[in-house]
PDB file of N, CA and C in Angstrom:
ATOM      1  N   MET A   1       0.839  -1.187   0.000  1.00  0.00           N
ATOM      2  CA  MET A   1       0.000   0.000   0.000  1.00  0.00           C
ATOM      3  C   MET A   1       0.877   1.241   0.000  1.00  0.00           C
ATOM      4  N   LYS A   2       0.552   2.157  -0.879  1.00  0.00           N
ATOM      5  CA  LYS A   2       1.293   3.414  -0.942  1.00  0.00           C
ATOM      6  C   LYS A   2       0.822   4.369   0.139  1.00  0.00           C
ATOM      7  N   TYR A   3       1.780   5.029   0.738  1.00  0.00           N
ATOM      8  CA  TYR A   3       1.483   6.063   1.720  1.00  0.00           C
ATOM      9  C   TYR A   3       1.433   7.409   1.001  1.00  0.00           C
ATOM     10  N   ARG A   4       0.680   8.326   1.558  1.00  0.00           N
ATOM     11  CA  ARG A   4       0.668   9.693   1.037  1.00  0.00           C
ATOM     12  C   ARG A   4       1.806  10.456   1.700  1.00  0.00           C
ATOM     13  N   VAL A   5       2.294  11.482   1.041  1.00  0.00           N
ATOM     14  CA  VAL A   5       3.352  12.323   1.601  1.00  0.00           C
ATOM     15  C   VAL A   5       2.771  13.678   1.940  1.00  0.00           C
ATOM     16  N   LYS A   6       3.068  14.126   3.136  1.00  0.00           N
ATOM     17  CA  LYS A   6       2.628  15.450   3.568  1.00  0.00           C
ATOM     18  C   LYS A   6       3.871  16.222   4.015  1.00  0.00           C
ATOM     19  N   PHE A   7       4.166  17.325   3.322  1.00  0.00           N
ATOM     20  CA  PHE A   7       5.254  18.209   3.717  1.00  0.00           C
ATOM     21  C   PHE A   7       4.691  19.217   4.709  1.00  0.00           C
ATOM     22  N   LEU A   8       5.166  19.159   5.931  1.00  0.00           N
ATOM     23  CA  LEU A   8       4.714  20.112   6.943  1.00  0.00           C
ATOM     24  C   LEU A   8       5.289  21.487   6.649  1.00  0.00           C
ATOM     25  N   ILE A   9       4.725  22.511   7.259  1.00  0.00           N
ATOM     26  CA  ILE A   9       5.147  23.890   7.000  1.00  0.00           C
ATOM     27  C   ILE A   9       6.643  24.070   7.267  1.00  0.00           C
ATOM     28  N   THR A  10       7.163  23.375   8.272  1.00  0.00           N
ATOM     29  CA  THR A  10       8.596  23.490   8.578  1.00  0.00           C
ATOM     30  C   THR A  10       9.444  22.977   7.421  1.00  0.00           C
ATOM     31  N   ALA A  11       9.041  21.892   6.791  1.00  0.00           N
ATOM     32  CA  ALA A  11       9.776  21.342   5.648  1.00  0.00           C
ATOM     33  C   ALA A  11       9.662  22.282   4.448  1.00  0.00           C
ATOM     34  N   LYS A  12       8.490  22.848   4.254  1.00  0.00           N
ATOM     35  CA  LYS A  12       8.313  23.799   3.150  1.00  0.00           C
ATOM     36  C   LYS A  12       9.201  25.029   3.344  1.00  0.00           C
ATOM     37  N   GLN A  13       9.306  25.496   4.576  1.00  0.00           N
ATOM     38  CA  GLN A  13      10.179  26.629   4.870  1.00  0.00           C
ATOM     39  C   GLN A  13      11.638  26.255   4.620  1.00  0.00           C
ATOM     40  N   ASP A  14      12.016  25.047   5.026  1.00  0.00           N
ATOM     41  CA  ASP A  14      13.383  24.586   4.768  1.00  0.00           C
ATOM     42  C   ASP A  14      13.678  24.580   3.274  1.00  0.00           C
ATOM     43  N   LEU A  15      12.731  24.090   2.475  1.00  0.00           N
ATOM     44  CA  LEU A  15      12.922  24.050   1.021  1.00  0.00           C
ATOM     45  C   LEU A  15      13.067  25.450   0.430  1.00  0.00           C
ATOM     46  N   GLU A  16      12.307  26.395   0.934  1.00  0.00           N
ATOM     47  CA  GLU A  16      12.424  27.778   0.452  1.00  0.00           C
ATOM     48  C   GLU A  16      13.807  28.344   0.749  1.00  0.00           C
ATOM     49  N   ILE A  17      14.302  28.101   1.943  1.00  0.00           N
ATOM     50  CA  ILE A  17      15.633  28.586   2.329  1.00  0.00           C
ATOM     51  C   ILE A  17      16.709  27.946   1.455  1.00  0.00           C
ATOM     52  N   ILE A  18      16.589  26.644   1.240  1.00  0.00           N
ATOM     53  CA  ILE A  18      17.551  25.927   0.396  1.00  0.00           C
ATOM     54  C   ILE A  18      17.522  26.482  -1.018  1.00  0.00           C
ATOM     55  N   GLN A  19      16.323  26.698  -1.536  1.00  0.00           N
ATOM     56  CA  GLN A  19      16.203  27.210  -2.894  1.00  0.00           C
ATOM     57  C   GLN A  19      16.815  28.604  -3.012  1.00  0.00           C
ATOM     58  N   GLN A  20      16.531  29.479  -2.076  1.00  0.00           N
ATOM     59  CA  GLN A  20      17.094  30.824  -2.104  1.00  0.00           C
ATOM     60  C   GLN A  20      18.621  30.771  -2.090  1.00  0.00           C
ATOM     61  N   TYR A  21      19.161  29.890  -1.267  1.00  0.00           N
ATOM     62  CA  TYR A  21      20.611  29.762  -1.178  1.00  0.00           C
ATOM     63  C   TYR A  21      21.202  29.225  -2.483  1.00  0.00           C
ATOM     64  N   LEU A  22      20.654  28.115  -2.978  1.00  0.00           N
ATOM     65  CA  LEU A  22      21.227  27.490  -4.173  1.00  0.00           C
ATOM     66  C   LEU A  22      21.009  28.317  -5.432  1.00  0.00           C
ATOM     67  N   ASP A  23      19.905  29.043  -5.505  1.00  0.00           N
ATOM     68  CA  ASP A  23      19.635  29.874  -6.679  1.00  0.00           C
ATOM     69  C   ASP A  23      20.707  30.949  -6.886  1.00  0.00           C
ATOM     70  N   GLN A  24      21.382  31.332  -5.818  1.00  0.00           N
ATOM     71  CA  GLN A  24      22.466  32.310  -5.940  1.00  0.00           C
ATOM     72  C   GLN A  24      23.619  31.753  -6.770  1.00  0.00           C
ATOM     73  N   TYR A  25      23.762  30.439  -6.757  1.00  0.00           N
ATOM     74  CA  TYR A  25      24.910  29.809  -7.385  1.00  0.00           C
ATOM     75  C   TYR A  25      24.557  29.056  -8.664  1.00  0.00           C
ATOM     76  N   SER A  26      23.465  28.305  -8.612  1.00  0.00           N
ATOM     77  CA  SER A  26      23.141  27.490  -9.774  1.00  0.00           C
ATOM     78  C   SER A  26      21.698  26.987  -9.703  1.00  0.00           C
ATOM     79  N   LEU A  27      20.920  27.384 -10.680  1.00  0.00           N
ATOM     80  CA  LEU A  27      19.553  26.870 -10.767  1.00  0.00           C
ATOM     81  C   LEU A  27      19.569  25.369 -11.040  1.00  0.00           C
ATOM     82  N   THR A  28      20.562  24.940 -11.796  1.00  0.00           N
ATOM     83  CA  THR A  28      20.686  23.516 -12.108  1.00  0.00           C
ATOM     84  C   THR A  28      20.942  22.708 -10.845  1.00  0.00           C
ATOM     85  N   ALA A  29      21.804  23.194  -9.965  1.00  0.00           N
ATOM     86  CA  ALA A  29      22.103  22.490  -8.713  1.00  0.00           C
ATOM     87  C   ALA A  29      20.852  22.393  -7.852  1.00  0.00           C
ATOM     88  N   ALA A  30      20.081  23.463  -7.795  1.00  0.00           N
ATOM     89  CA  ALA A  30      18.848  23.456  -7.012  1.00  0.00           C
ATOM     90  C   ALA A  30      17.880  22.420  -7.569  1.00  0.00           C
ATOM     91  N   MET A  31      17.724  22.379  -8.872  1.00  0.00           N
ATOM     92  CA  MET A  31      16.804  21.419  -9.488  1.00  0.00           C
ATOM     93  C   MET A  31      17.272  19.982  -9.269  1.00  0.00           C
ATOM     94  N   ARG A  32      18.585  19.745  -9.370  1.00  0.00           N
ATOM     95  CA  ARG A  32      19.107  18.394  -9.128  1.00  0.00           C
ATOM     96  C   ARG A  32      18.806  17.943  -7.705  1.00  0.00           C
ATOM     97  N   LEU A  33      19.026  18.839  -6.742  1.00  0.00           N
ATOM     98  CA  LEU A  33      18.771  18.495  -5.352  1.00  0.00           C
ATOM     99  C   LEU A  33      17.288  18.210  -5.129  1.00  0.00           C
ATOM    100  N   PHE A  34      16.410  19.069  -5.637  1.00  0.00           N
ATOM    101  CA  PHE A  34      14.979  18.871  -5.442  1.00  0.00           C
ATOM    102  C   PHE A  34      14.500  17.573  -6.100  1.00  0.00           C
ATOM    103  N   ASN A  35      15.059  17.239  -7.261  1.00  0.00           N
ATOM    104  CA  ASN A  35      14.703  15.974  -7.914  1.00  0.00           C
ATOM    105  C   ASN A  35      15.182  14.779  -7.094  1.00  0.00           C
ATOM    106  N   LYS A  36      16.374  14.884  -6.521  1.00  0.00           N
ATOM    107  CA  LYS A  36      16.909  13.808  -5.688  1.00  0.00           C
ATOM    108  C   LYS A  36      16.021  13.604  -4.458  1.00  0.00           C
ATOM    109  N   ILE A  37      15.640  14.706  -3.824  1.00  0.00           N
ATOM    110  CA  ILE A  37      14.762  14.619  -2.645  1.00  0.00           C
ATOM    111  C   ILE A  37      13.424  14.006  -3.036  1.00  0.00           C
ATOM    112  N   ARG A  38      12.841  14.497  -4.109  1.00  0.00           N
ATOM    113  CA  ARG A  38      11.534  13.990  -4.555  1.00  0.00           C
ATOM    114  C   ARG A  38      11.601  12.502  -4.874  1.00  0.00           C
ATOM    115  N   ASN A  39      12.641  12.065  -5.576  1.00  0.00           N
ATOM    116  CA  ASN A  39      12.762  10.656  -5.946  1.00  0.00           C
ATOM    117  C   ASN A  39      12.900   9.762  -4.714  1.00  0.00           C
ATOM    118  N   LYS A  40      13.668  10.196  -3.741  1.00  0.00           N
ATOM    119  CA  LYS A  40      13.854   9.385  -2.534  1.00  0.00           C
ATOM    120  C   LYS A  40      12.585   9.347  -1.681  1.00  0.00           C
ATOM    121  N   VAL A  41      11.879  10.468  -1.623  1.00  0.00           N
ATOM    122  CA  VAL A  41      10.609  10.482  -0.884  1.00  0.00           C
ATOM    123  C   VAL A  41       9.589   9.594  -1.595  1.00  0.00           C
ATOM    124  N   GLU A  42       9.620   9.577  -2.908  1.00  0.00           N
ATOM    125  CA  GLU A  42       8.721   8.698  -3.667  1.00  0.00           C
ATOM    126  C   GLU A  42       8.980   7.234  -3.325  1.00  0.00           C
ATOM    127  N   LEU A  43      10.245   6.861  -3.163  1.00  0.00           N
ATOM    128  CA  LEU A  43      10.570   5.488  -2.768  1.00  0.00           C
ATOM    129  C   LEU A  43      10.004   5.167  -1.386  1.00  0.00           C
ATOM    130  N   ALA A  44      10.021   6.149  -0.497  1.00  0.00           N
ATOM    131  CA  ALA A  44       9.506   5.947   0.858  1.00  0.00           C
ATOM    132  C   ALA A  44       7.994   5.718   0.848  1.00  0.00           C
ATOM    133  N   LYS A  45       7.307   6.206  -0.165  1.00  0.00           N
ATOM    134  CA  LYS A  45       5.857   5.989  -0.243  1.00  0.00           C
ATOM    135  C   LYS A  45       5.530   4.506  -0.337  1.00  0.00           C
ATOM    136  N   GLU A  46       6.393   3.746  -0.987  1.00  0.00           N
ATOM    137  CA  GLU A  46       6.184   2.301  -1.141  1.00  0.00           C
ATOM    138  C   GLU A  46       6.555   1.548   0.131  1.00  0.00           C
ATOM    139  N   ASN A  47       7.630   1.971   0.781  1.00  0.00           N
ATOM    140  CA  ASN A  47       8.099   1.301   1.985  1.00  0.00           C
ATOM    141  C   ASN A  47       8.680   2.342   2.937  1.00  0.00           C
ATOM    142  N   PRO A  48       7.855   2.958   3.770  1.00  0.00           N
ATOM    143  CA  PRO A  48       8.311   4.056   4.622  1.00  0.00           C
ATOM    144  C   PRO A  48       9.341   3.657   5.675  1.00  0.00           C
ATOM    145  N   TYR A  49       9.492   2.369   5.903  1.00  0.00           N
ATOM    146  CA  TYR A  49      10.461   1.913   6.909  1.00  0.00           C
ATOM    147  C   TYR A  49      11.792   1.499   6.274  1.00  0.00           C
ATOM    148  N   ALA A  50      11.945   1.728   4.983  1.00  0.00           N
ATOM    149  CA  ALA A  50      13.184   1.368   4.293  1.00  0.00           C
ATOM    150  C   ALA A  50      14.348   2.251   4.736  1.00  0.00           C
ATOM    151  N   TYR A  51      14.060   3.475   5.110  1.00  0.00           N
ATOM    152  CA  TYR A  51      15.115   4.381   5.557  1.00  0.00           C
ATOM    153  C   TYR A  51      15.283   4.250   7.063  1.00  0.00           C
ATOM    154  N   PRO A  52      16.508   4.438   7.551  1.00  0.00           N
ATOM    155  CA  PRO A  52      16.779   4.193   8.978  1.00  0.00           C
ATOM    156  C   PRO A  52      16.185   5.248   9.900  1.00  0.00           C
ATOM    157  N   ALA A  53      15.972   4.833  11.139  1.00  0.00           N
ATOM    158  CA  ALA A  53      15.585   5.778  12.186  1.00  0.00           C
ATOM    159  C   ALA A  53      16.803   6.648  12.490  1.00  0.00           C
ATOM    160  N   TYR A  54      16.547   7.883  12.852  1.00  0.00           N
ATOM    161  CA  TYR A  54      17.638   8.795  13.232  1.00  0.00           C
ATOM    162  C   TYR A  54      18.031   8.460  14.659  1.00  0.00           C
ATOM    163  N   ASP A  55      19.284   8.090  14.851  1.00  0.00           N
ATOM    164  CA  ASP A  55      19.713   7.553  16.144  1.00  0.00           C
ATOM    165  C   ASP A  55      19.530   8.514  17.309  1.00  0.00           C
ATOM    166  N   ARG A  56      19.597   9.809  17.079  1.00  0.00           N
ATOM    167  CA  ARG A  56      19.457  10.763  18.180  1.00  0.00           C
ATOM    168  C   ARG A  56      18.009  11.148  18.460  1.00  0.00           C
ATOM    169  N   ARG A  57      17.129  10.848  17.539  1.00  0.00           N
ATOM    170  CA  ARG A  57      15.687  11.056  17.707  1.00  0.00           C
ATOM    171  C   ARG A  57      14.985   9.917  16.971  1.00  0.00           C
ATOM    172  N   PRO A  58      14.900   8.733  17.604  1.00  0.00           N
ATOM    173  CA  PRO A  58      14.426   7.528  16.911  1.00  0.00           C
ATOM    174  C   PRO A  58      13.005   7.606  16.355  1.00  0.00           C
ATOM    175  N   HIS A  59      12.187   8.545  16.802  1.00  0.00           N
ATOM    176  CA  HIS A  59      10.838   8.644  16.240  1.00  0.00           C
ATOM    177  C   HIS A  59      10.859   9.273  14.841  1.00  0.00           C
ATOM    178  N   PHE A  60      12.036   9.823  14.453  1.00  0.00           N
ATOM    179  CA  PHE A  60      12.216  10.334  13.093  1.00  0.00           C
ATOM    180  C   PHE A  60      12.987   9.322  12.270  1.00  0.00           C
ATOM    181  N   ARG A  61      12.656   9.257  10.997  1.00  0.00           N
ATOM    182  CA  ARG A  61      13.438   8.481  10.043  1.00  0.00           C
ATOM    183  C   ARG A  61      14.154   9.499   9.165  1.00  0.00           C
ATOM    184  N   LYS A  62      15.256   9.091   8.544  1.00  0.00           N
ATOM    185  CA  LYS A  62      16.003  10.057   7.734  1.00  0.00           C
ATOM    186  C   LYS A  62      16.365   9.488   6.373  1.00  0.00           C
ATOM    187  N   ILE A  63      16.315  10.385   5.423  1.00  0.00           N
ATOM    188  CA  ILE A  63      16.708  10.095   4.051  1.00  0.00           C
ATOM    189  C   ILE A  63      17.912  10.972   3.754  1.00  0.00           C
ATOM    190  N   VAL A  64      18.963  10.383   3.229  1.00  0.00           N
ATOM    191  CA  VAL A  64      20.131  11.148   2.818  1.00  0.00           C
ATOM    192  C   VAL A  64      19.955  11.492   1.344  1.00  0.00           C
ATOM    193  N   ALA A  65      20.001  12.794   1.052  1.00  0.00           N
ATOM    194  CA  ALA A  65      19.879  13.284  -0.326  1.00  0.00           C
ATOM    195  C   ALA A  65      21.023  14.263  -0.564  1.00  0.00           C
ATOM    196  N   GLY A  66      22.136  13.755  -1.038  1.00  0.00           N
ATOM    197  CA  GLY A  66      23.319  14.599  -1.208  1.00  0.00           C
ATOM    198  C   GLY A  66      23.804  15.056   0.153  1.00  0.00           C
ATOM    199  N   ASP A  67      23.993  16.356   0.296  1.00  0.00           N
ATOM    200  CA  ASP A  67      24.444  16.930   1.572  1.00  0.00           C
ATOM    201  C   ASP A  67      23.282  17.197   2.534  1.00  0.00           C
ATOM    202  N   TYR A  68      22.077  16.866   2.138  1.00  0.00           N
ATOM    203  CA  TYR A  68      20.890  17.183   2.930  1.00  0.00           C
ATOM    204  C   TYR A  68      20.265  15.922   3.525  1.00  0.00           C
ATOM    205  N   LEU A  69      19.587  16.124   4.646  1.00  0.00           N
ATOM    206  CA  LEU A  69      18.881  15.050   5.322  1.00  0.00           C
ATOM    207  C   LEU A  69      17.401  15.412   5.389  1.00  0.00           C
ATOM    208  N   VAL A  70      16.566  14.473   5.006  1.00  0.00           N
ATOM    209  CA  VAL A  70      15.113  14.648   5.047  1.00  0.00           C
ATOM    210  C   VAL A  70      14.623  13.859   6.256  1.00  0.00           C
ATOM    211  N   PHE A  71      13.995  14.553   7.204  1.00  0.00           N
ATOM    212  CA  PHE A  71      13.494  13.914   8.415  1.00  0.00           C
ATOM    213  C   PHE A  71      11.982  13.784   8.335  1.00  0.00           C
ATOM    214  N   TYR A  72      11.509  12.572   8.573  1.00  0.00           N
ATOM    215  CA  TYR A  72      10.071  12.336   8.484  1.00  0.00           C
ATOM    216  C   TYR A  72       9.616  11.357   9.560  1.00  0.00           C
ATOM    217  N   LYS A  73       8.317  11.371   9.789  1.00  0.00           N
ATOM    218  CA  LYS A  73       7.666  10.412  10.677  1.00  0.00           C
ATOM    219  C   LYS A  73       6.616   9.671   9.859  1.00  0.00           C
ATOM    220  N   VAL A  74       6.402   8.428  10.225  1.00  0.00           N
ATOM    221  CA  VAL A  74       5.361   7.629   9.578  1.00  0.00           C
ATOM    222  C   VAL A  74       4.128   7.680  10.455  1.00  0.00           C
ATOM    223  N   ASN A  75       3.017   8.092   9.863  1.00  0.00           N
ATOM    224  CA  ASN A  75       1.742   8.117  10.563  1.00  0.00           C
ATOM    225  C   ASN A  75       0.919   6.938  10.039  1.00  0.00           C
ATOM    226  N   GLU A  76       0.943   5.853  10.807  1.00  0.00           N
ATOM    227  CA  GLU A  76       0.246   4.635  10.377  1.00  0.00           C
ATOM    228  C   GLU A  76      -1.270   4.824  10.336  1.00  0.00           C
ATOM    229  N   GLU A  77      -1.774   5.594  11.258  1.00  0.00           N
ATOM    230  CA  GLU A  77      -3.219   5.806  11.321  1.00  0.00           C
ATOM    231  C   GLU A  77      -3.750   6.437  10.040  1.00  0.00           C
ATOM    232  N   GLU A  78      -3.027   7.426   9.531  1.00  0.00           N
ATOM    233  CA  GLU A  78      -3.452   8.125   8.311  1.00  0.00           C
ATOM    234  C   GLU A  78      -2.745   7.615   7.061  1.00  0.00           C
ATOM    235  N   LYS A  79      -1.834   6.662   7.243  1.00  0.00           N
ATOM    236  CA  LYS A  79      -1.034   6.128   6.127  1.00  0.00           C
ATOM    237  C   LYS A  79      -0.329   7.258   5.367  1.00  0.00           C
ATOM    238  N   THR A  80       0.359   8.107   6.157  1.00  0.00           N
ATOM    239  CA  THR A  80       1.089   9.223   5.563  1.00  0.00           C
ATOM    240  C   THR A  80       2.540   9.231   6.041  1.00  0.00           C
ATOM    241  N   ILE A  81       3.362   9.837   5.223  1.00  0.00           N
ATOM    242  CA  ILE A  81       4.737  10.155   5.573  1.00  0.00           C
ATOM    243  C   ILE A  81       4.744  11.659   5.789  1.00  0.00           C
ATOM    244  N   GLU A  82       5.033  12.070   7.012  1.00  0.00           N
ATOM    245  CA  GLU A  82       5.017  13.492   7.358  1.00  0.00           C
ATOM    246  C   GLU A  82       6.451  14.007   7.362  1.00  0.00           C
ATOM    247  N   VAL A  83       6.793  14.782   6.341  1.00  0.00           N
ATOM    248  CA  VAL A  83       8.136  15.338   6.233  1.00  0.00           C
ATOM    249  C   VAL A  83       8.192  16.576   7.119  1.00  0.00           C
ATOM    250  N   HIS A  84       9.072  16.521   8.124  1.00  0.00           N
ATOM    251  CA  HIS A  84       9.170  17.606   9.100  1.00  0.00           C
ATOM    252  C   HIS A  84      10.254  18.618   8.756  1.00  0.00           C
ATOM    253  N   HIS A  85      11.418  18.129   8.338  1.00  0.00           N
ATOM    254  CA  HIS A  85      12.531  19.036   8.049  1.00  0.00           C
ATOM    255  C   HIS A  85      13.396  18.486   6.937  1.00  0.00           C
ATOM    256  N   ILE A  86      14.046  19.409   6.232  1.00  0.00           N
ATOM    257  CA  ILE A  86      15.065  19.089   5.245  1.00  0.00           C
ATOM    258  C   ILE A  86      16.238  19.997   5.586  1.00  0.00           C
ATOM    259  N   LEU A  87      17.308  19.393   6.105  1.00  0.00           N
ATOM    260  CA  LEU A  87      18.406  20.167   6.673  1.00  0.00           C
ATOM    261  C   LEU A  87      19.739  19.751   6.078  1.00  0.00           C
ATOM    262  N   HIS A  88      20.639  20.713   5.983  1.00  0.00           N
ATOM    263  CA  HIS A  88      21.996  20.402   5.547  1.00  0.00           C
ATOM    264  C   HIS A  88      22.666  19.564   6.627  1.00  0.00           C
ATOM    265  N   GLY A  89      23.429  18.582   6.228  1.00  0.00           N
ATOM    266  CA  GLY A  89      24.065  17.670   7.165  1.00  0.00           C
ATOM    267  C   GLY A  89      25.032  18.324   8.130  1.00  0.00           C
ATOM    268  N   MET A  90      25.525  19.523   7.818  1.00  0.00           N
ATOM    269  CA  MET A  90      26.473  20.211   8.695  1.00  0.00           C
ATOM    270  C   MET A  90      25.773  21.074   9.751  1.00  0.00           C
ATOM    271  N   MET A  91      24.459  21.160   9.680  1.00  0.00           N
ATOM    272  CA  MET A  91      23.713  21.978  10.641  1.00  0.00           C
ATOM    273  C   MET A  91      23.633  21.261  11.995  1.00  0.00           C
ATOM    274  N   ASP A  92      23.266  21.996  13.006  1.00  0.00           N
ATOM    275  CA  ASP A  92      22.991  21.410  14.309  1.00  0.00           C
ATOM    276  C   ASP A  92      21.591  20.804  14.225  1.00  0.00           C
ATOM    277  N   ILE A  93      21.537  19.554  13.847  1.00  0.00           N
ATOM    278  CA  ILE A  93      20.270  18.877  13.570  1.00  0.00           C
ATOM    279  C   ILE A  93      19.369  18.851  14.802  1.00  0.00           C
ATOM    280  N   ILE A  94      19.917  18.502  15.936  1.00  0.00           N
ATOM    281  CA  ILE A  94      19.129  18.363  17.164  1.00  0.00           C
ATOM    282  C   ILE A  94      18.385  19.659  17.492  1.00  0.00           C
ATOM    283  N   GLN A  95      19.024  20.770  17.235  1.00  0.00           N
ATOM    284  CA  GLN A  95      18.377  22.070  17.510  1.00  0.00           C
ATOM    285  C   GLN A  95      17.105  22.246  16.705  1.00  0.00           C
ATOM    286  N   HIS A  96      17.036  21.664  15.521  1.00  0.00           N
ATOM    287  CA  HIS A  96      15.888  21.830  14.631  1.00  0.00           C
ATOM    288  C   HIS A  96      14.817  20.771  14.806  1.00  0.00           C
ATOM    289  N   LEU A  97      15.184  19.638  15.384  1.00  0.00           N
ATOM    290  CA  LEU A  97      14.194  18.560  15.542  1.00  0.00           C
ATOM    291  C   LEU A  97      13.526  18.709  16.850  1.00  0.00           C
TER     292      LEU A  97
END
């Protein structure tokens, strides 16, 4: 069964910040990153437990997409993948989760 994906407002804000930053340097780089994120999230729709739990916050699962990490929770009741944050791997992740 496929799960639906819901990007929470925090994830949408993260994407806007990433886009603003990358657009300064390369529209192509921004598009490549967004396609990579989208493709990996699409894979999670088929099997949301395929990606590992984040060891410092086990209720989150994480997808590695280049230098960025996509943090999500699986909502079994609603059969959704709730994307909470998309953060650069060098950031203080715990502060944002």
